[in-house]
Amino acid sequence: MKKTILILVLLCGDLPAADEPKGEAQFLSRVRQLTLEGRRSGEGYFAPDGKHIIFQSEREKHNPFYQIYTMDMQSGDVTRVSPGHGKTTCAFFRPNCDEVLFAS
């Protein structure tokens, strides 16, 4: 069986100056892998303040479906915010509050 692994990455750095080359390469010079656990991860979004990221991942052996997690960008601590069973997707941080929204 062929496995597909999605890696959630953070693109670091500023956009290129007007005299620098444009194209895909400008975004691939300072890439860092953020998630290292689980079978796969995907669909990640930053909190408005940039201090956290919310993403979906298959991390729990007893559940073959994506669950929703947040990661503290400073410490790297990951917390599951979804119930831990069933399929979940489409997560994001609600603006101007400490809540997240996702479909389950």
PDB file of N, CA and C in Angstrom:
ATOM      1  N   MET A   1       0.842  -1.169   0.000  1.00  0.00           N
ATOM      2  CA  MET A   1       0.000   0.000   0.000  1.00  0.00           C
ATOM      3  C   MET A   1       0.894   1.241   0.000  1.00  0.00           C
ATOM      4  N   LYS A   2       0.577   2.192  -0.833  1.00  0.00           N
ATOM      5  CA  LYS A   2       1.329   3.430  -0.938  1.00  0.00           C
ATOM      6  C   LYS A   2       0.817   4.428   0.096  1.00  0.00           C
ATOM      7  N   LYS A   3       1.730   5.049   0.862  1.00  0.00           N
ATOM      8  CA  LYS A   3       1.343   6.050   1.858  1.00  0.00           C
ATOM      9  C   LYS A   3       1.676   7.437   1.347  1.00  0.00           C
ATOM     10  N   THR A   4       0.819   8.378   1.658  1.00  0.00           N
ATOM     11  CA  THR A   4       1.070   9.774   1.350  1.00  0.00           C
ATOM     12  C   THR A   4       1.302  10.503   2.654  1.00  0.00           C
ATOM     13  N   ILE A   5       2.382  11.238   2.742  1.00  0.00           N
ATOM     14  CA  ILE A   5       2.690  11.984   3.952  1.00  0.00           C
ATOM     15  C   ILE A   5       2.654  13.468   3.613  1.00  0.00           C
ATOM     16  N   LEU A   6       1.845  14.208   4.332  1.00  0.00           N
ATOM     17  CA  LEU A   6       1.793  15.659   4.183  1.00  0.00           C
ATOM     18  C   LEU A   6       2.585  16.275   5.323  1.00  0.00           C
ATOM     19  N   ILE A   7       3.423  17.233   5.024  1.00  0.00           N
ATOM     20  CA  ILE A   7       4.219  17.896   6.047  1.00  0.00           C
ATOM     21  C   ILE A   7       3.759  19.340   6.139  1.00  0.00           C
ATOM     22  N   LEU A   8       3.382  19.733   7.347  1.00  0.00           N
ATOM     23  CA  LEU A   8       2.979  21.099   7.602  1.00  0.00           C
ATOM     24  C   LEU A   8       4.245  21.915   7.798  1.00  0.00           C
ATOM     25  N   VAL A   9       4.418  22.974   7.027  1.00  0.00           N
ATOM     26  CA  VAL A   9       5.654  23.749   7.100  1.00  0.00           C
ATOM     27  C   VAL A   9       5.355  25.213   7.363  1.00  0.00           C
ATOM     28  N   LEU A  10       6.343  25.868   7.906  1.00  0.00           N
ATOM     29  CA  LEU A  10       6.286  27.300   8.146  1.00  0.00           C
ATOM     30  C   LEU A  10       7.259  27.957   7.196  1.00  0.00           C
ATOM     31  N   LEU A  11       6.789  28.898   6.422  1.00  0.00           N
ATOM     32  CA  LEU A  11       7.663  29.641   5.529  1.00  0.00           C
ATOM     33  C   LEU A  11       8.176  30.853   6.291  1.00  0.00           C
ATOM     34  N   CYS A  12       9.475  30.908   6.506  1.00  0.00           N
ATOM     35  CA  CYS A  12      10.086  31.966   7.309  1.00  0.00           C
ATOM     36  C   CYS A  12      10.714  33.014   6.396  1.00  0.00           C
ATOM     37  N   GLY A  13      10.740  34.215   6.856  1.00  0.00           N
ATOM     38  CA  GLY A  13      11.452  35.252   6.134  1.00  0.00           C
ATOM     39  C   GLY A  13      10.530  36.222   5.430  1.00  0.00           C
ATOM     40  N   ASP A  14      11.139  37.256   4.916  1.00  0.00           N
ATOM     41  CA  ASP A  14      10.402  38.311   4.229  1.00  0.00           C
ATOM     42  C   ASP A  14      10.213  37.950   2.764  1.00  0.00           C
ATOM     43  N   LEU A  15       9.263  38.600   2.143  1.00  0.00           N
ATOM     44  CA  LEU A  15       9.105  38.465   0.705  1.00  0.00           C
ATOM     45  C   LEU A  15      10.303  39.107   0.025  1.00  0.00           C
ATOM     46  N   PRO A  16      10.657  38.662  -1.157  1.00  0.00           N
ATOM     47  CA  PRO A  16      11.843  39.195  -1.826  1.00  0.00           C
ATOM     48  C   PRO A  16      11.665  40.661  -2.223  1.00  0.00           C
ATOM     49  N   ALA A  17      12.772  41.346  -2.282  1.00  0.00           N
ATOM     50  CA  ALA A  17      12.771  42.735  -2.762  1.00  0.00           C
ATOM     51  C   ALA A  17      12.446  42.735  -4.251  1.00  0.00           C
ATOM     52  N   ALA A  18      12.114  43.900  -4.772  1.00  0.00           N
ATOM     53  CA  ALA A  18      11.695  44.019  -6.168  1.00  0.00           C
ATOM     54  C   ALA A  18      12.756  43.510  -7.141  1.00  0.00           C
ATOM     55  N   ASP A  19      14.057  43.622  -6.779  1.00  0.00           N
ATOM     56  CA  ASP A  19      15.110  43.200  -7.700  1.00  0.00           C
ATOM     57  C   ASP A  19      15.489  41.727  -7.547  1.00  0.00           C
ATOM     58  N   GLU A  20      14.866  40.996  -6.606  1.00  0.00           N
ATOM     59  CA  GLU A  20      15.158  39.572  -6.418  1.00  0.00           C
ATOM     60  C   GLU A  20      14.278  38.728  -7.334  1.00  0.00           C
ATOM     61  N   PRO A  21      14.742  37.513  -7.647  1.00  0.00           N
ATOM     62  CA  PRO A  21      13.954  36.660  -8.549  1.00  0.00           C
ATOM     63  C   PRO A  21      12.599  36.301  -7.957  1.00  0.00           C
ATOM     64  N   LYS A  22      11.624  36.231  -8.816  1.00  0.00           N
ATOM     65  CA  LYS A  22      10.288  35.853  -8.382  1.00  0.00           C
ATOM     66  C   LYS A  22      10.041  34.404  -8.761  1.00  0.00           C
ATOM     67  N   GLY A  23       8.937  33.870  -8.328  1.00  0.00           N
ATOM     68  CA  GLY A  23       8.627  32.479  -8.628  1.00  0.00           C
ATOM     69  C   GLY A  23       8.642  31.640  -7.363  1.00  0.00           C
ATOM     70  N   GLU A  24       8.446  30.351  -7.533  1.00  0.00           N
ATOM     71  CA  GLU A  24       8.337  29.412  -6.428  1.00  0.00           C
ATOM     72  C   GLU A  24       9.558  29.398  -5.512  1.00  0.00           C
ATOM     73  N   ALA A  25      10.739  29.523  -6.064  1.00  0.00           N
ATOM     74  CA  ALA A  25      11.975  29.416  -5.295  1.00  0.00           C
ATOM     75  C   ALA A  25      12.047  30.436  -4.157  1.00  0.00           C
ATOM     76  N   GLN A  26      11.423  31.576  -4.325  1.00  0.00           N
ATOM     77  CA  GLN A  26      11.473  32.603  -3.283  1.00  0.00           C
ATOM     78  C   GLN A  26      10.839  32.131  -1.981  1.00  0.00           C
ATOM     79  N   PHE A  27       9.942  31.150  -2.038  1.00  0.00           N
ATOM     80  CA  PHE A  27       9.250  30.680  -0.850  1.00  0.00           C
ATOM     81  C   PHE A  27       9.858  29.408  -0.271  1.00  0.00           C
ATOM     82  N   LEU A  28      10.880  28.865  -0.890  1.00  0.00           N
ATOM     83  CA  LEU A  28      11.403  27.574  -0.470  1.00  0.00           C
ATOM     84  C   LEU A  28      12.790  27.633   0.153  1.00  0.00           C
ATOM     85  N   SER A  29      13.283  28.797   0.473  1.00  0.00           N
ATOM     86  CA  SER A  29      14.648  28.880   0.987  1.00  0.00           C
ATOM     87  C   SER A  29      14.737  28.694   2.503  1.00  0.00           C
ATOM     88  N   ARG A  30      13.698  29.032   3.245  1.00  0.00           N
ATOM     89  CA  ARG A  30      13.755  28.907   4.703  1.00  0.00           C
ATOM     90  C   ARG A  30      12.513  28.165   5.194  1.00  0.00           C
ATOM     91  N   VAL A  31      12.451  26.869   4.942  1.00  0.00           N
ATOM     92  CA  VAL A  31      11.300  26.046   5.278  1.00  0.00           C
ATOM     93  C   VAL A  31      11.647  25.207   6.502  1.00  0.00           C
ATOM     94  N   ARG A  32      10.695  25.090   7.423  1.00  0.00           N
ATOM     95  CA  ARG A  32      10.910  24.304   8.640  1.00  0.00           C
ATOM     96  C   ARG A  32       9.725  23.374   8.853  1.00  0.00           C
ATOM     97  N   GLN A  33       9.982  22.094   9.077  1.00  0.00           N
ATOM     98  CA  GLN A  33       8.913  21.140   9.358  1.00  0.00           C
ATOM     99  C   GLN A  33       8.420  21.373  10.779  1.00  0.00           C
ATOM    100  N   LEU A  34       7.094  21.469  10.943  1.00  0.00           N
ATOM    101  CA  LEU A  34       6.518  21.726  12.265  1.00  0.00           C
ATOM    102  C   LEU A  34       5.982  20.475  12.932  1.00  0.00           C
ATOM    103  N   THR A  35       5.397  19.581  12.180  1.00  0.00           N
ATOM    104  CA  THR A  35       4.798  18.390  12.781  1.00  0.00           C
ATOM    105  C   THR A  35       5.664  17.182  12.474  1.00  0.00           C
ATOM    106  N   LEU A  36       5.916  16.389  13.500  1.00  0.00           N
ATOM    107  CA  LEU A  36       6.776  15.224  13.346  1.00  0.00           C
ATOM    108  C   LEU A  36       6.077  13.932  13.761  1.00  0.00           C
ATOM    109  N   GLU A  37       4.934  14.020  14.362  1.00  0.00           N
ATOM    110  CA  GLU A  37       4.244  12.845  14.885  1.00  0.00           C
ATOM    111  C   GLU A  37       3.059  12.465  14.014  1.00  0.00           C
ATOM    112  N   GLY A  38       2.647  11.210  14.141  1.00  0.00           N
ATOM    113  CA  GLY A  38       1.448  10.747  13.462  1.00  0.00           C
ATOM    114  C   GLY A  38       1.689  10.310  12.043  1.00  0.00           C
ATOM    115  N   ARG A  39       0.636   9.757  11.463  1.00  0.00           N
ATOM    116  CA  ARG A  39       0.714   9.262  10.089  1.00  0.00           C
ATOM    117  C   ARG A  39       0.769  10.397   9.077  1.00  0.00           C
ATOM    118  N   ARG A  40      -0.015  11.442   9.300  1.00  0.00           N
ATOM    119  CA  ARG A  40       0.001  12.583   8.379  1.00  0.00           C
ATOM    120  C   ARG A  40      -0.668  13.783   9.040  1.00  0.00           C
ATOM    121  N   SER A  41      -0.382  14.943   8.493  1.00  0.00           N
ATOM    122  CA  SER A  41      -0.966  16.197   8.973  1.00  0.00           C
ATOM    123  C   SER A  41      -1.311  17.055   7.768  1.00  0.00           C
ATOM    124  N   GLY A  42      -2.182  18.015   7.971  1.00  0.00           N
ATOM    125  CA  GLY A  42      -2.530  18.896   6.872  1.00  0.00           C
ATOM    126  C   GLY A  42      -3.400  20.047   7.304  1.00  0.00           C
ATOM    127  N   GLU A  43      -3.752  20.881   6.373  1.00  0.00           N
ATOM    128  CA  GLU A  43      -4.641  22.031   6.541  1.00  0.00           C
ATOM    129  C   GLU A  43      -4.375  22.779   7.842  1.00  0.00           C
ATOM    130  N   GLY A  44      -3.329  23.578   7.868  1.00  0.00           N
ATOM    131  CA  GLY A  44      -2.979  24.350   9.047  1.00  0.00           C
ATOM    132  C   GLY A  44      -3.147  25.840   8.823  1.00  0.00           C
ATOM    133  N   TYR A  45      -3.550  26.532   9.897  1.00  0.00           N
ATOM    134  CA  TYR A  45      -3.759  27.980   9.817  1.00  0.00           C
ATOM    135  C   TYR A  45      -3.211  28.646  11.069  1.00  0.00           C
ATOM    136  N   PHE A  46      -2.601  29.809  10.893  1.00  0.00           N
ATOM    137  CA  PHE A  46      -2.060  30.553  12.024  1.00  0.00           C
ATOM    138  C   PHE A  46      -3.147  31.336  12.745  1.00  0.00           C
ATOM    139  N   ALA A  47      -2.963  31.480  14.062  1.00  0.00           N
ATOM    140  CA  ALA A  47      -3.815  32.366  14.852  1.00  0.00           C
ATOM    141  C   ALA A  47      -3.539  33.799  14.399  1.00  0.00           C
ATOM    142  N   PRO A  48      -4.497  34.695  14.587  1.00  0.00           N
ATOM    143  CA  PRO A  48      -4.277  36.088  14.163  1.00  0.00           C
ATOM    144  C   PRO A  48      -3.015  36.722  14.752  1.00  0.00           C
ATOM    145  N   ASP A  49      -2.636  36.340  15.977  1.00  0.00           N
ATOM    146  CA  ASP A  49      -1.437  36.916  16.595  1.00  0.00           C
ATOM    147  C   ASP A  49      -0.159  36.169  16.200  1.00  0.00           C
ATOM    148  N   GLY A  50      -0.278  35.069  15.447  1.00  0.00           N
ATOM    149  CA  GLY A  50       0.878  34.312  14.989  1.00  0.00           C
ATOM    150  C   GLY A  50       1.528  33.438  16.050  1.00  0.00           C
ATOM    151  N   LYS A  51       0.945  33.349  17.234  1.00  0.00           N
ATOM    152  CA  LYS A  51       1.560  32.590  18.330  1.00  0.00           C
ATOM    153  C   LYS A  51       1.183  31.110  18.334  1.00  0.00           C
ATOM    154  N   HIS A  52       0.145  30.753  17.608  1.00  0.00           N
ATOM    155  CA  HIS A  52      -0.318  29.363  17.547  1.00  0.00           C
ATOM    156  C   HIS A  52      -0.674  29.023  16.110  1.00  0.00           C
ATOM    157  N   ILE A  53      -0.724  27.730  15.841  1.00  0.00           N
ATOM    158  CA  ILE A  53      -1.208  27.241  14.568  1.00  0.00           C
ATOM    159  C   ILE A  53      -2.213  26.134  14.877  1.00  0.00           C
ATOM    160  N   ILE A  54      -3.276  26.061  14.097  1.00  0.00           N
ATOM    161  CA  ILE A  54      -4.265  24.999  14.254  1.00  0.00           C
ATOM    162  C   ILE A  54      -4.171  24.129  13.007  1.00  0.00           C
ATOM    163  N   PHE A  55      -4.199  22.806  13.192  1.00  0.00           N
ATOM    164  CA  PHE A  55      -4.020  21.906  12.059  1.00  0.00           C
ATOM    165  C   PHE A  55      -4.733  20.586  12.315  1.00  0.00           C
ATOM    166  N   GLN A  56      -4.927  19.821  11.243  1.00  0.00           N
ATOM    167  CA  GLN A  56      -5.517  18.494  11.374  1.00  0.00           C
ATOM    168  C   GLN A  56      -4.403  17.465  11.245  1.00  0.00           C
ATOM    169  N   SER A  57      -4.528  16.363  12.007  1.00  0.00           N
ATOM    170  CA  SER A  57      -3.505  15.337  11.983  1.00  0.00           C
ATOM    171  C   SER A  57      -4.077  13.989  12.389  1.00  0.00           C
ATOM    172  N   GLU A  58      -3.503  12.934  11.844  1.00  0.00           N
ATOM    173  CA  GLU A  58      -3.813  11.567  12.266  1.00  0.00           C
ATOM    174  C   GLU A  58      -2.695  11.130  13.197  1.00  0.00           C
ATOM    175  N   ARG A  59      -2.900  11.219  14.510  1.00  0.00           N
ATOM    176  CA  ARG A  59      -1.855  10.938  15.487  1.00  0.00           C
ATOM    177  C   ARG A  59      -2.170   9.783  16.410  1.00  0.00           C
ATOM    178  N   GLU A  60      -3.425   9.416  16.519  1.00  0.00           N
ATOM    179  CA  GLU A  60      -3.828   8.416  17.504  1.00  0.00           C
ATOM    180  C   GLU A  60      -4.082   7.081  16.813  1.00  0.00           C
ATOM    181  N   LYS A  61      -3.402   6.047  17.271  1.00  0.00           N
ATOM    182  CA  LYS A  61      -3.449   4.737  16.616  1.00  0.00           C
ATOM    183  C   LYS A  61      -4.856   4.153  16.552  1.00  0.00           C
ATOM    184  N   HIS A  62      -5.685   4.423  17.537  1.00  0.00           N
ATOM    185  CA  HIS A  62      -7.033   3.851  17.571  1.00  0.00           C
ATOM    186  C   HIS A  62      -8.025   4.603  16.688  1.00  0.00           C
ATOM    187  N   ASN A  63      -7.637   5.750  16.153  1.00  0.00           N
ATOM    188  CA  ASN A  63      -8.541   6.557  15.330  1.00  0.00           C
ATOM    189  C   ASN A  63      -7.883   6.850  13.982  1.00  0.00           C
ATOM    190  N   PRO A  64      -8.416   6.311  12.890  1.00  0.00           N
ATOM    191  CA  PRO A  64      -7.803   6.512  11.574  1.00  0.00           C
ATOM    192  C   PRO A  64      -8.181   7.838  10.906  1.00  0.00           C
ATOM    193  N   PHE A  65      -8.874   8.715  11.617  1.00  0.00           N
ATOM    194  CA  PHE A  65      -9.335   9.968  11.019  1.00  0.00           C
ATOM    195  C   PHE A  65      -8.573  11.164  11.577  1.00  0.00           C
ATOM    196  N   TYR A  66      -8.594  12.246  10.802  1.00  0.00           N
ATOM    197  CA  TYR A  66      -7.996  13.497  11.274  1.00  0.00           C
ATOM    198  C   TYR A  66      -8.678  13.981  12.551  1.00  0.00           C
ATOM    199  N   GLN A  67      -7.868  14.511  13.457  1.00  0.00           N
ATOM    200  CA  GLN A  67      -8.351  15.243  14.617  1.00  0.00           C
ATOM    201  C   GLN A  67      -7.717  16.630  14.552  1.00  0.00           C
ATOM    202  N   ILE A  68      -8.230  17.559  15.338  1.00  0.00           N
ATOM    203  CA  ILE A  68      -7.771  18.944  15.291  1.00  0.00           C
ATOM    204  C   ILE A  68      -6.866  19.225  16.491  1.00  0.00           C
ATOM    205  N   TYR A  69      -5.726  19.855  16.209  1.00  0.00           N
ATOM    206  CA  TYR A  69      -4.722  20.164  17.227  1.00  0.00           C
ATOM    207  C   TYR A  69      -4.294  21.622  17.100  1.00  0.00           C
ATOM    208  N   THR A  70      -3.835  22.182  18.206  1.00  0.00           N
ATOM    209  CA  THR A  70      -3.171  23.484  18.164  1.00  0.00           C
ATOM    210  C   THR A  70      -1.730  23.288  18.604  1.00  0.00           C
ATOM    211  N   MET A  71      -0.858  24.127  18.069  1.00  0.00           N
ATOM    212  CA  MET A  71       0.554  24.091  18.455  1.00  0.00           C
ATOM    213  C   MET A  71       0.983  25.492  18.876  1.00  0.00           C
ATOM    214  N   ASP A  72       1.616  25.578  20.031  1.00  0.00           N
ATOM    215  CA  ASP A  72       2.220  26.821  20.495  1.00  0.00           C
ATOM    216  C   ASP A  72       3.511  27.004  19.705  1.00  0.00           C
ATOM    217  N   MET A  73       3.630  28.084  18.954  1.00  0.00           N
ATOM    218  CA  MET A  73       4.778  28.279  18.076  1.00  0.00           C
ATOM    219  C   MET A  73       6.066  28.538  18.843  1.00  0.00           C
ATOM    220  N   GLN A  74       5.977  28.969  20.095  1.00  0.00           N
ATOM    221  CA  GLN A  74       7.179  29.221  20.881  1.00  0.00           C
ATOM    222  C   GLN A  74       7.693  27.948  21.540  1.00  0.00           C
ATOM    223  N   SER A  75       6.807  27.209  22.198  1.00  0.00           N
ATOM    224  CA  SER A  75       7.227  26.016  22.944  1.00  0.00           C
ATOM    225  C   SER A  75       7.163  24.736  22.122  1.00  0.00           C
ATOM    226  N   GLY A  76       6.316  24.707  21.081  1.00  0.00           N
ATOM    227  CA  GLY A  76       6.114  23.490  20.305  1.00  0.00           C
ATOM    228  C   GLY A  76       5.085  22.555  20.920  1.00  0.00           C
ATOM    229  N   ASP A  77       4.480  22.940  22.053  1.00  0.00           N
ATOM    230  CA  ASP A  77       3.476  22.104  22.710  1.00  0.00           C
ATOM    231  C   ASP A  77       2.248  21.956  21.823  1.00  0.00           C
ATOM    232  N   VAL A  78       1.743  20.710  21.716  1.00  0.00           N
ATOM    233  CA  VAL A  78       0.584  20.401  20.887  1.00  0.00           C
ATOM    234  C   VAL A  78      -0.552  19.938  21.784  1.00  0.00           C
ATOM    235  N   THR A  79      -1.763  20.453  21.527  1.00  0.00           N
ATOM    236  CA  THR A  79      -2.954  20.095  22.294  1.00  0.00           C
ATOM    237  C   THR A  79      -4.066  19.701  21.329  1.00  0.00           C
ATOM    238  N   ARG A  80      -4.700  18.559  21.588  1.00  0.00           N
ATOM    239  CA  ARG A  80      -5.860  18.180  20.774  1.00  0.00           C
ATOM    240  C   ARG A  80      -7.058  18.984  21.257  1.00  0.00           C
ATOM    241  N   VAL A  81      -7.802  19.582  20.324  1.00  0.00           N
ATOM    242  CA  VAL A  81      -8.989  20.366  20.681  1.00  0.00           C
ATOM    243  C   VAL A  81     -10.281  19.708  20.205  1.00  0.00           C
ATOM    244  N   SER A  82     -10.178  18.721  19.337  1.00  0.00           N
ATOM    245  CA  SER A  82     -11.365  17.988  18.877  1.00  0.00           C
ATOM    246  C   SER A  82     -11.659  16.839  19.847  1.00  0.00           C
ATOM    247  N   PRO A  83     -12.827  16.181  19.710  1.00  0.00           N
ATOM    248  CA  PRO A  83     -13.235  15.176  20.692  1.00  0.00           C
ATOM    249  C   PRO A  83     -12.417  13.889  20.697  1.00  0.00           C
ATOM    250  N   GLY A  84     -11.676  13.601  19.628  1.00  0.00           N
ATOM    251  CA  GLY A  84     -10.852  12.401  19.620  1.00  0.00           C
ATOM    252  C   GLY A  84     -11.482  11.214  18.923  1.00  0.00           C
ATOM    253  N   HIS A  85     -12.671  11.374  18.374  1.00  0.00           N
ATOM    254  CA  HIS A  85     -13.316  10.297  17.630  1.00  0.00           C
ATOM    255  C   HIS A  85     -14.047  10.902  16.436  1.00  0.00           C
ATOM    256  N   GLY A  86     -14.250  10.098  15.422  1.00  0.00           N
ATOM    257  CA  GLY A  86     -14.922  10.593  14.220  1.00  0.00           C
ATOM    258  C   GLY A  86     -14.013  11.465  13.376  1.00  0.00           C
ATOM    259  N   LYS A  87     -14.555  11.922  12.258  1.00  0.00           N
ATOM    260  CA  LYS A  87     -13.799  12.758  11.323  1.00  0.00           C
ATOM    261  C   LYS A  87     -13.937  14.224  11.709  1.00  0.00           C
ATOM    262  N   THR A  88     -12.840  14.959  11.625  1.00  0.00           N
ATOM    263  CA  THR A  88     -12.865  16.405  11.863  1.00  0.00           C
ATOM    264  C   THR A  88     -12.073  17.096  10.754  1.00  0.00           C
ATOM    265  N   THR A  89     -12.418  18.339  10.498  1.00  0.00           N
ATOM    266  CA  THR A  89     -11.740  19.088   9.439  1.00  0.00           C
ATOM    267  C   THR A  89     -12.076  20.576   9.562  1.00  0.00           C
ATOM    268  N   CYS A  90     -11.488  21.374   8.682  1.00  0.00           N
ATOM    269  CA  CYS A  90     -11.837  22.797   8.512  1.00  0.00           C
ATOM    270  C   CYS A  90     -11.749  23.597   9.811  1.00  0.00           C
ATOM    271  N   ALA A  91     -10.627  23.556  10.465  1.00  0.00           N
ATOM    272  CA  ALA A  91     -10.461  24.276  11.725  1.00  0.00           C
ATOM    273  C   ALA A  91      -9.832  25.647  11.515  1.00  0.00           C
ATOM    274  N   PHE A  92     -10.226  26.594  12.348  1.00  0.00           N
ATOM    275  CA  PHE A  92      -9.593  27.911  12.345  1.00  0.00           C
ATOM    276  C   PHE A  92      -9.817  28.601  13.673  1.00  0.00           C
ATOM    277  N   PHE A  93      -9.002  29.621  13.940  1.00  0.00           N
ATOM    278  CA  PHE A  93      -9.147  30.438  15.140  1.00  0.00           C
ATOM    279  C   PHE A  93     -10.198  31.500  14.888  1.00  0.00           C
ATOM    280  N   ARG A  94     -11.114  31.658  15.821  1.00  0.00           N
ATOM    281  CA  ARG A  94     -12.106  32.735  15.693  1.00  0.00           C
ATOM    282  C   ARG A  94     -11.431  34.062  16.011  1.00  0.00           C
ATOM    283  N   PRO A  95     -11.680  35.077  15.215  1.00  0.00           N
ATOM    284  CA  PRO A  95     -11.054  36.385  15.455  1.00  0.00           C
ATOM    285  C   PRO A  95     -11.516  37.006  16.775  1.00  0.00           C
ATOM    286  N   ASN A  96     -10.632  37.704  17.422  1.00  0.00           N
ATOM    287  CA  ASN A  96     -10.924  38.498  18.621  1.00  0.00           C
ATOM    288  C   ASN A  96     -11.434  37.692  19.813  1.00  0.00           C
ATOM    289  N   CYS A  97     -11.070  36.407  19.907  1.00  0.00           N
ATOM    290  CA  CYS A  97     -11.440  35.619  21.084  1.00  0.00           C
ATOM    291  C   CYS A  97     -10.515  34.409  21.194  1.00  0.00           C
ATOM    292  N   ASP A  98     -10.687  33.617  22.229  1.00  0.00           N
ATOM    293  CA  ASP A  98      -9.827  32.446  22.474  1.00  0.00           C
ATOM    294  C   ASP A  98     -10.480  31.159  22.004  1.00  0.00           C
ATOM    295  N   GLU A  99     -11.371  31.207  21.048  1.00  0.00           N
ATOM    296  CA  GLU A  99     -12.095  30.028  20.601  1.00  0.00           C
ATOM    297  C   GLU A  99     -11.596  29.571  19.233  1.00  0.00           C
ATOM    298  N   VAL A 100     -11.799  28.263  18.982  1.00  0.00           N
ATOM    299  CA  VAL A 100     -11.524  27.705  17.662  1.00  0.00           C
ATOM    300  C   VAL A 100     -12.812  27.087  17.140  1.00  0.00           C
ATOM    301  N   LEU A 101     -12.904  26.964  15.845  1.00  0.00           N
ATOM    302  CA  LEU A 101     -14.064  26.361  15.200  1.00  0.00           C
ATOM    303  C   LEU A 101     -13.572  25.255  14.284  1.00  0.00           C
ATOM    304  N   PHE A 102     -14.304  24.129  14.240  1.00  0.00           N
ATOM    305  CA  PHE A 102     -13.975  23.058  13.304  1.00  0.00           C
ATOM    306  C   PHE A 102     -15.221  22.244  13.027  1.00  0.00           C
ATOM    307  N   ALA A 103     -15.203  21.511  11.928  1.00  0.00           N
ATOM    308  CA  ALA A 103     -16.320  20.641  11.568  1.00  0.00           C
ATOM    309  C   ALA A 103     -16.016  19.240  12.069  1.00  0.00           C
ATOM    310  N   SER A 104     -17.054  18.567  12.580  1.00  0.00           N
ATOM    311  CA  SER A 104     -16.876  17.215  13.100  1.00  0.00           C
ATOM    312  C   SER A 104     -18.089  16.376  12.748  1.00  0.00           C
TER     313      SER A 104
END
